[in-house]
Structure formats: structure tokens, C-alpha cells
PDB file of N, CA and C in Angstrom:
ATOM      1  N   MET A   1       0.840  -1.172   0.000  1.00  0.00           N
ATOM      2  CA  MET A   1       0.000   0.000   0.000  1.00  0.00           C
ATOM      3  C   MET A   1       0.892   1.245   0.000  1.00  0.00           C
ATOM      4  N   PRO A   2       0.702   2.138  -0.975  1.00  0.00           N
ATOM      5  CA  PRO A   2       1.536   3.331  -1.025  1.00  0.00           C
ATOM      6  C   PRO A   2       1.231   4.276   0.127  1.00  0.00           C
ATOM      7  N   GLY A   3       2.221   5.072   0.504  1.00  0.00           N
ATOM      8  CA  GLY A   3       2.044   6.029   1.584  1.00  0.00           C
ATOM      9  C   GLY A   3       1.351   7.294   1.105  1.00  0.00           C
ATOM     10  N   THR A   4       0.954   8.083   2.063  1.00  0.00           N
ATOM     11  CA  THR A   4       0.283   9.347   1.810  1.00  0.00           C
ATOM     12  C   THR A   4       1.303  10.406   1.401  1.00  0.00           C
ATOM     13  N   ILE A   5       0.876  11.307   0.514  1.00  0.00           N
ATOM     14  CA  ILE A   5       1.672  12.483   0.175  1.00  0.00           C
ATOM     15  C   ILE A   5       0.975  13.672   0.813  1.00  0.00           C
ATOM     16  N   ALA A   6       1.741  14.452   1.558  1.00  0.00           N
ATOM     17  CA  ALA A   6       1.185  15.609   2.262  1.00  0.00           C
ATOM     18  C   ALA A   6       1.986  16.848   1.902  1.00  0.00           C
ATOM     19  N   ALA A   7       1.421  18.004   2.213  1.00  0.00           N
ATOM     20  CA  ALA A   7       2.105  19.275   2.020  1.00  0.00           C
ATOM     21  C   ALA A   7       1.827  20.158   3.228  1.00  0.00           C
ATOM     22  N   ILE A   8       2.840  20.919   3.633  1.00  0.00           N
ATOM     23  CA  ILE A   8       2.706  21.816   4.778  1.00  0.00           C
ATOM     24  C   ILE A   8       3.203  23.196   4.376  1.00  0.00           C
ATOM     25  N   GLY A   9       2.378  24.205   4.665  1.00  0.00           N
ATOM     26  CA  GLY A   9       2.818  25.571   4.407  1.00  0.00           C
ATOM     27  C   GLY A   9       1.686  26.530   4.184  1.00  0.00           C
ATOM     28  N   GLU A  10       2.028  27.668   3.624  1.00  0.00           N
ATOM     29  CA  GLU A  10       1.076  28.736   3.400  1.00  0.00           C
ATOM     30  C   GLU A  10       0.037  28.328   2.357  1.00  0.00           C
ATOM     31  N   PRO A  11      -1.236  28.595   2.637  1.00  0.00           N
ATOM     32  CA  PRO A  11      -2.321  28.158   1.747  1.00  0.00           C
ATOM     33  C   PRO A  11      -2.154  28.620   0.303  1.00  0.00           C
ATOM     34  N   ALA A  12      -1.739  29.839   0.093  1.00  0.00           N
ATOM     35  CA  ALA A  12      -1.634  30.367  -1.267  1.00  0.00           C
ATOM     36  C   ALA A  12      -0.633  29.585  -2.122  1.00  0.00           C
ATOM     37  N   LEU A  13       0.345  28.981  -1.485  1.00  0.00           N
ATOM     38  CA  LEU A  13       1.356  28.222  -2.226  1.00  0.00           C
ATOM     39  C   LEU A  13       0.986  26.759  -2.432  1.00  0.00           C
ATOM     40  N   LEU A  14       0.028  26.259  -1.663  1.00  0.00           N
ATOM     41  CA  LEU A  14      -0.247  24.820  -1.694  1.00  0.00           C
ATOM     42  C   LEU A  14      -1.632  24.423  -2.188  1.00  0.00           C
ATOM     43  N   ASP A  15      -2.539  25.364  -2.330  1.00  0.00           N
ATOM     44  CA  ASP A  15      -3.916  25.013  -2.680  1.00  0.00           C
ATOM     45  C   ASP A  15      -4.024  24.146  -3.931  1.00  0.00           C
ATOM     46  N   GLY A  16      -3.218  24.390  -4.927  1.00  0.00           N
ATOM     47  CA  GLY A  16      -3.286  23.610  -6.163  1.00  0.00           C
ATOM     48  C   GLY A  16      -2.925  22.143  -5.983  1.00  0.00           C
ATOM     49  N   PHE A  17      -2.161  21.812  -4.963  1.00  0.00           N
ATOM     50  CA  PHE A  17      -1.753  20.423  -4.741  1.00  0.00           C
ATOM     51  C   PHE A  17      -2.942  19.527  -4.384  1.00  0.00           C
ATOM     52  N   ARG A  18      -3.997  20.124  -3.857  1.00  0.00           N
ATOM     53  CA  ARG A  18      -5.195  19.327  -3.535  1.00  0.00           C
ATOM     54  C   ARG A  18      -5.760  18.656  -4.776  1.00  0.00           C
ATOM     55  N   LEU A  19      -5.649  19.326  -5.915  1.00  0.00           N
ATOM     56  CA  LEU A  19      -6.157  18.770  -7.171  1.00  0.00           C
ATOM     57  C   LEU A  19      -5.458  17.467  -7.547  1.00  0.00           C
ATOM     58  N   ALA A  20      -4.247  17.287  -7.065  1.00  0.00           N
ATOM     59  CA  ALA A  20      -3.480  16.073  -7.351  1.00  0.00           C
ATOM     60  C   ALA A  20      -3.638  15.026  -6.253  1.00  0.00           C
ATOM     61  N   GLY A  21      -4.514  15.282  -5.287  1.00  0.00           N
ATOM     62  CA  GLY A  21      -4.749  14.315  -4.226  1.00  0.00           C
ATOM     63  C   GLY A  21      -3.816  14.414  -3.043  1.00  0.00           C
ATOM     64  N   VAL A  22      -3.046  15.492  -2.970  1.00  0.00           N
ATOM     65  CA  VAL A  22      -2.139  15.695  -1.843  1.00  0.00           C
ATOM     66  C   VAL A  22      -2.948  16.188  -0.645  1.00  0.00           C
ATOM     67  N   GLU A  23      -2.655  15.655   0.520  1.00  0.00           N
ATOM     68  CA  GLU A  23      -3.309  16.105   1.744  1.00  0.00           C
ATOM     69  C   GLU A  23      -2.583  17.355   2.232  1.00  0.00           C
ATOM     70  N   VAL A  24      -3.259  18.503   2.187  1.00  0.00           N
ATOM     71  CA  VAL A  24      -2.634  19.784   2.494  1.00  0.00           C
ATOM     72  C   VAL A  24      -2.926  20.196   3.934  1.00  0.00           C
ATOM     73  N   PHE A  25      -1.854  20.548   4.639  1.00  0.00           N
ATOM     74  CA  PHE A  25      -1.940  21.066   6.007  1.00  0.00           C
ATOM     75  C   PHE A  25      -1.434  22.503   5.950  1.00  0.00           C
ATOM     76  N   THR A  26      -2.321  23.450   6.147  1.00  0.00           N
ATOM     77  CA  THR A  26      -1.918  24.847   6.012  1.00  0.00           C
ATOM     78  C   THR A  26      -1.430  25.423   7.334  1.00  0.00           C
ATOM     79  N   GLY A  27      -0.487  26.334   7.206  1.00  0.00           N
ATOM     80  CA  GLY A  27       0.044  27.037   8.367  1.00  0.00           C
ATOM     81  C   GLY A  27       0.846  28.233   7.916  1.00  0.00           C
ATOM     82  N   SER A  28       0.661  29.336   8.582  1.00  0.00           N
ATOM     83  CA  SER A  28       1.391  30.556   8.236  1.00  0.00           C
ATOM     84  C   SER A  28       2.342  31.001   9.343  1.00  0.00           C
ATOM     85  N   THR A  29       2.175  30.439  10.528  1.00  0.00           N
ATOM     86  CA  THR A  29       3.074  30.776  11.635  1.00  0.00           C
ATOM     87  C   THR A  29       3.894  29.546  12.005  1.00  0.00           C
ATOM     88  N   ASP A  30       4.982  29.764  12.730  1.00  0.00           N
ATOM     89  CA  ASP A  30       5.812  28.629  13.153  1.00  0.00           C
ATOM     90  C   ASP A  30       4.994  27.632  13.958  1.00  0.00           C
ATOM     91  N   GLU A  31       4.150  28.129  14.838  1.00  0.00           N
ATOM     92  CA  GLU A  31       3.336  27.239  15.676  1.00  0.00           C
ATOM     93  C   GLU A  31       2.380  26.392  14.820  1.00  0.00           C
ATOM     94  N   GLU A  32       1.727  27.008  13.858  1.00  0.00           N
ATOM     95  CA  GLU A  32       0.800  26.268  12.985  1.00  0.00           C
ATOM     96  C   GLU A  32       1.537  25.231  12.149  1.00  0.00           C
ATOM     97  N   ILE A  33       2.729  25.573  11.699  1.00  0.00           N
ATOM     98  CA  ILE A  33       3.525  24.643  10.893  1.00  0.00           C
ATOM     99  C   ILE A  33       3.962  23.451  11.737  1.00  0.00           C
ATOM    100  N   ARG A  34       4.419  23.696  12.951  1.00  0.00           N
ATOM    101  CA  ARG A  34       4.819  22.584  13.834  1.00  0.00           C
ATOM    102  C   ARG A  34       3.625  21.691  14.178  1.00  0.00           C
ATOM    103  N   ARG A  35       2.474  22.316  14.410  1.00  0.00           N
ATOM    104  CA  ARG A  35       1.259  21.546  14.694  1.00  0.00           C
ATOM    105  C   ARG A  35       0.886  20.666  13.501  1.00  0.00           C
ATOM    106  N   ALA A  36       1.020  21.205  12.293  1.00  0.00           N
ATOM    107  CA  ALA A  36       0.726  20.433  11.087  1.00  0.00           C
ATOM    108  C   ALA A  36       1.672  19.236  10.972  1.00  0.00           C
ATOM    109  N   TRP A  37       2.945  19.433  11.289  1.00  0.00           N
ATOM    110  CA  TRP A  37       3.932  18.347  11.219  1.00  0.00           C
ATOM    111  C   TRP A  37       3.539  17.198  12.155  1.00  0.00           C
ATOM    112  N   THR A  38       3.116  17.547  13.349  1.00  0.00           N
ATOM    113  CA  THR A  38       2.744  16.501  14.306  1.00  0.00           C
ATOM    114  C   THR A  38       1.400  15.850  13.956  1.00  0.00           C
ATOM    115  N   ALA A  39       0.607  16.508  13.110  1.00  0.00           N
ATOM    116  CA  ALA A  39      -0.702  15.964  12.716  1.00  0.00           C
ATOM    117  C   ALA A  39      -0.623  15.078  11.473  1.00  0.00           C
ATOM    118  N   LEU A  40       0.549  14.926  10.900  1.00  0.00           N
ATOM    119  CA  LEU A  40       0.665  14.097   9.699  1.00  0.00           C
ATOM    120  C   LEU A  40       0.224  12.668   9.988  1.00  0.00           C
ATOM    121  N   PRO A  41      -0.493  12.048   9.051  1.00  0.00           N
ATOM    122  CA  PRO A  41      -0.865  10.649   9.240  1.00  0.00           C
ATOM    123  C   PRO A  41       0.377   9.763   9.331  1.00  0.00           C
ATOM    124  N   LYS A  42       0.284   8.695  10.068  1.00  0.00           N
ATOM    125  CA  LYS A  42       1.413   7.760  10.223  1.00  0.00           C
ATOM    126  C   LYS A  42       1.834   7.151   8.888  1.00  0.00           C
ATOM    127  N   THR A  43       0.920   7.146   7.917  1.00  0.00           N
ATOM    128  CA  THR A  43       1.211   6.558   6.608  1.00  0.00           C
ATOM    129  C   THR A  43       1.891   7.534   5.651  1.00  0.00           C
ATOM    130  N   THR A  44       2.237   8.733   6.125  1.00  0.00           N
ATOM    131  CA  THR A  44       2.844   9.738   5.254  1.00  0.00           C
ATOM    132  C   THR A  44       4.227   9.293   4.808  1.00  0.00           C
ATOM    133  N   ALA A  45       4.421   9.288   3.489  1.00  0.00           N
ATOM    134  CA  ALA A  45       5.709   8.890   2.921  1.00  0.00           C
ATOM    135  C   ALA A  45       6.513  10.082   2.427  1.00  0.00           C
ATOM    136  N   ILE A  46       5.817  11.081   1.878  1.00  0.00           N
ATOM    137  CA  ILE A  46       6.472  12.255   1.309  1.00  0.00           C
ATOM    138  C   ILE A  46       5.746  13.504   1.789  1.00  0.00           C
ATOM    139  N   VAL A  47       6.520  14.533   2.158  1.00  0.00           N
ATOM    140  CA  VAL A  47       5.942  15.812   2.568  1.00  0.00           C
ATOM    141  C   VAL A  47       6.536  16.915   1.703  1.00  0.00           C
ATOM    142  N   ILE A  48       5.669  17.664   1.063  1.00  0.00           N
ATOM    143  CA  ILE A  48       6.073  18.827   0.284  1.00  0.00           C
ATOM    144  C   ILE A  48       6.030  20.025   1.233  1.00  0.00           C
ATOM    145  N   LEU A  49       7.124  20.775   1.289  1.00  0.00           N
ATOM    146  CA  LEU A  49       7.220  21.904   2.207  1.00  0.00           C
ATOM    147  C   LEU A  49       7.451  23.205   1.454  1.00  0.00           C
ATOM    148  N   THR A  50       6.846  24.270   1.952  1.00  0.00           N
ATOM    149  CA  THR A  50       7.199  25.598   1.460  1.00  0.00           C
ATOM    150  C   THR A  50       8.534  25.965   2.094  1.00  0.00           C
ATOM    151  N   PRO A  51       9.252  26.935   1.532  1.00  0.00           N
ATOM    152  CA  PRO A  51      10.540  27.315   2.137  1.00  0.00           C
ATOM    153  C   PRO A  51      10.411  27.712   3.607  1.00  0.00           C
ATOM    154  N   ARG A  52       9.351  28.447   3.961  1.00  0.00           N
ATOM    155  CA  ARG A  52       9.170  28.832   5.369  1.00  0.00           C
ATOM    156  C   ARG A  52       8.985  27.596   6.249  1.00  0.00           C
ATOM    157  N   SER A  53       8.197  26.642   5.786  1.00  0.00           N
ATOM    158  CA  SER A  53       7.976  25.419   6.559  1.00  0.00           C
ATOM    159  C   SER A  53       9.273  24.649   6.743  1.00  0.00           C
ATOM    160  N   ALA A  54      10.077  24.591   5.704  1.00  0.00           N
ATOM    161  CA  ALA A  54      11.353  23.878   5.798  1.00  0.00           C
ATOM    162  C   ALA A  54      12.262  24.512   6.835  1.00  0.00           C
ATOM    163  N   ARG A  55      12.301  25.840   6.878  1.00  0.00           N
ATOM    164  CA  ARG A  55      13.126  26.520   7.887  1.00  0.00           C
ATOM    165  C   ARG A  55      12.604  26.241   9.294  1.00  0.00           C
ATOM    166  N   THR A  56      11.293  26.294   9.455  1.00  0.00           N
ATOM    167  CA  THR A  56      10.688  26.068  10.773  1.00  0.00           C
ATOM    168  C   THR A  56      10.930  24.639  11.257  1.00  0.00           C
ATOM    169  N   LEU A  57      10.841  23.697  10.349  1.00  0.00           N
ATOM    170  CA  LEU A  57      10.932  22.276  10.721  1.00  0.00           C
ATOM    171  C   LEU A  57      12.335  21.692  10.603  1.00  0.00           C
ATOM    172  N   ALA A  58      13.328  22.513  10.316  1.00  0.00           N
ATOM    173  CA  ALA A  58      14.691  22.009  10.083  1.00  0.00           C
ATOM    174  C   ALA A  58      15.167  21.007  11.134  1.00  0.00           C
ATOM    175  N   PRO A  59      14.996  21.269  12.431  1.00  0.00           N
ATOM    176  CA  PRO A  59      15.461  20.271  13.417  1.00  0.00           C
ATOM    177  C   PRO A  59      14.719  18.931  13.298  1.00  0.00           C
ATOM    178  N   ASP A  60      13.433  18.975  12.992  1.00  0.00           N
ATOM    179  CA  ASP A  60      12.646  17.739  12.862  1.00  0.00           C
ATOM    180  C   ASP A  60      13.025  16.953  11.613  1.00  0.00           C
ATOM    181  N   LEU A  61      13.417  17.665  10.566  1.00  0.00           N
ATOM    182  CA  LEU A  61      13.733  17.004   9.297  1.00  0.00           C
ATOM    183  C   LEU A  61      15.019  16.200   9.381  1.00  0.00           C
ATOM    184  N   ALA A  62      15.855  16.495  10.353  1.00  0.00           N
ATOM    185  CA  ALA A  62      17.106  15.762  10.521  1.00  0.00           C
ATOM    186  C   ALA A  62      16.891  14.369  11.109  1.00  0.00           C
ATOM    187  N   ASP A  63      15.722  14.114  11.648  1.00  0.00           N
ATOM    188  CA  ASP A  63      15.411  12.802  12.235  1.00  0.00           C
ATOM    189  C   ASP A  63      15.265  11.776  11.109  1.00  0.00           C
ATOM    190  N   PRO A  64      16.067  10.724  11.111  1.00  0.00           N
ATOM    191  CA  PRO A  64      15.996   9.729  10.029  1.00  0.00           C
ATOM    192  C   PRO A  64      14.656   8.985   9.980  1.00  0.00           C
ATOM    193  N   ARG A  65      13.862   9.068  11.021  1.00  0.00           N
ATOM    194  CA  ARG A  65      12.551   8.406  11.020  1.00  0.00           C
ATOM    195  C   ARG A  65      11.468   9.263  10.385  1.00  0.00           C
ATOM    196  N   SER A  66      11.794  10.525  10.063  1.00  0.00           N
ATOM    197  CA  SER A  66      10.793  11.408   9.477  1.00  0.00           C
ATOM    198  C   SER A  66      10.561  11.041   8.003  1.00  0.00           C
ATOM    199  N   PRO A  67       9.391  11.424   7.467  1.00  0.00           N
ATOM    200  CA  PRO A  67       9.120  11.132   6.057  1.00  0.00           C
ATOM    201  C   PRO A  67      10.082  11.892   5.152  1.00  0.00           C
ATOM    202  N   MET A  68      10.195  11.425   3.908  1.00  0.00           N
ATOM    203  CA  MET A  68      10.988  12.132   2.908  1.00  0.00           C
ATOM    204  C   MET A  68      10.346  13.489   2.667  1.00  0.00           C
ATOM    205  N   THR A  69      11.177  14.526   2.523  1.00  0.00           N
ATOM    206  CA  THR A  69      10.632  15.862   2.277  1.00  0.00           C
ATOM    207  C   THR A  69      11.183  16.438   0.978  1.00  0.00           C
ATOM    208  N   VAL A  70      10.382  17.300   0.384  1.00  0.00           N
ATOM    209  CA  VAL A  70      10.750  18.036  -0.812  1.00  0.00           C
ATOM    210  C   VAL A  70      10.396  19.496  -0.542  1.00  0.00           C
ATOM    211  N   VAL A  71      11.310  20.409  -0.810  1.00  0.00           N
ATOM    212  CA  VAL A  71      11.060  21.824  -0.549  1.00  0.00           C
ATOM    213  C   VAL A  71      10.803  22.537  -1.882  1.00  0.00           C
ATOM    214  N   LEU A  72       9.703  23.290  -1.916  1.00  0.00           N
ATOM    215  CA  LEU A  72       9.390  24.068  -3.106  1.00  0.00           C
ATOM    216  C   LEU A  72      10.452  25.146  -3.308  1.00  0.00           C
ATOM    217  N   PRO A  73      10.764  25.506  -4.542  1.00  0.00           N
ATOM    218  CA  PRO A  73      11.733  26.573  -4.750  1.00  0.00           C
ATOM    219  C   PRO A  73      11.191  27.915  -4.266  1.00  0.00           C
ATOM    220  N   SER A  74      12.087  28.790  -3.884  1.00  0.00           N
ATOM    221  CA  SER A  74      11.689  30.124  -3.401  1.00  0.00           C
ATOM    222  C   SER A  74      11.262  30.995  -4.565  1.00  0.00           C
TER     223      SER A  74
END
């Protein structure tokens, strides 16, 4: 069974990903972004991040148990 693809970040940058079936978790502040990270389904395999989300989550992304991440270009 394939894993879930999710995206975390500002709504204006991620809304189009819903059309492709990506589960979008919106957040504009550091707190909202961290909350979205902890709310990811256990089946998440890939997370698309906005540049702001990547900066906020940098310490969490270093954990080898975290899902694979891809950062959108600035």
C-alpha cells in the first residue's frame, strides 16, 4: 500500500496540490507549521514543504525516522 503524500505551508502556495490528491496542512506561523507536522498521518511517505515550513521544521527534518521531504523553490 503506497504512503500518503502531504504538504505543509502557506495556503496560497499549496492550494493547487489538492487537485493532485495531496493532503494539504496549512500554516502561516511557526506554531501552525509545527502543529501540522505533528498531525501528519502515520502513513505519510512524502511531505512537500514551502521554504518557510522547511526553515521552521529544520530540526525535525534531521530525524531519520521522518518522512521524505521536498522543498518548493523560493
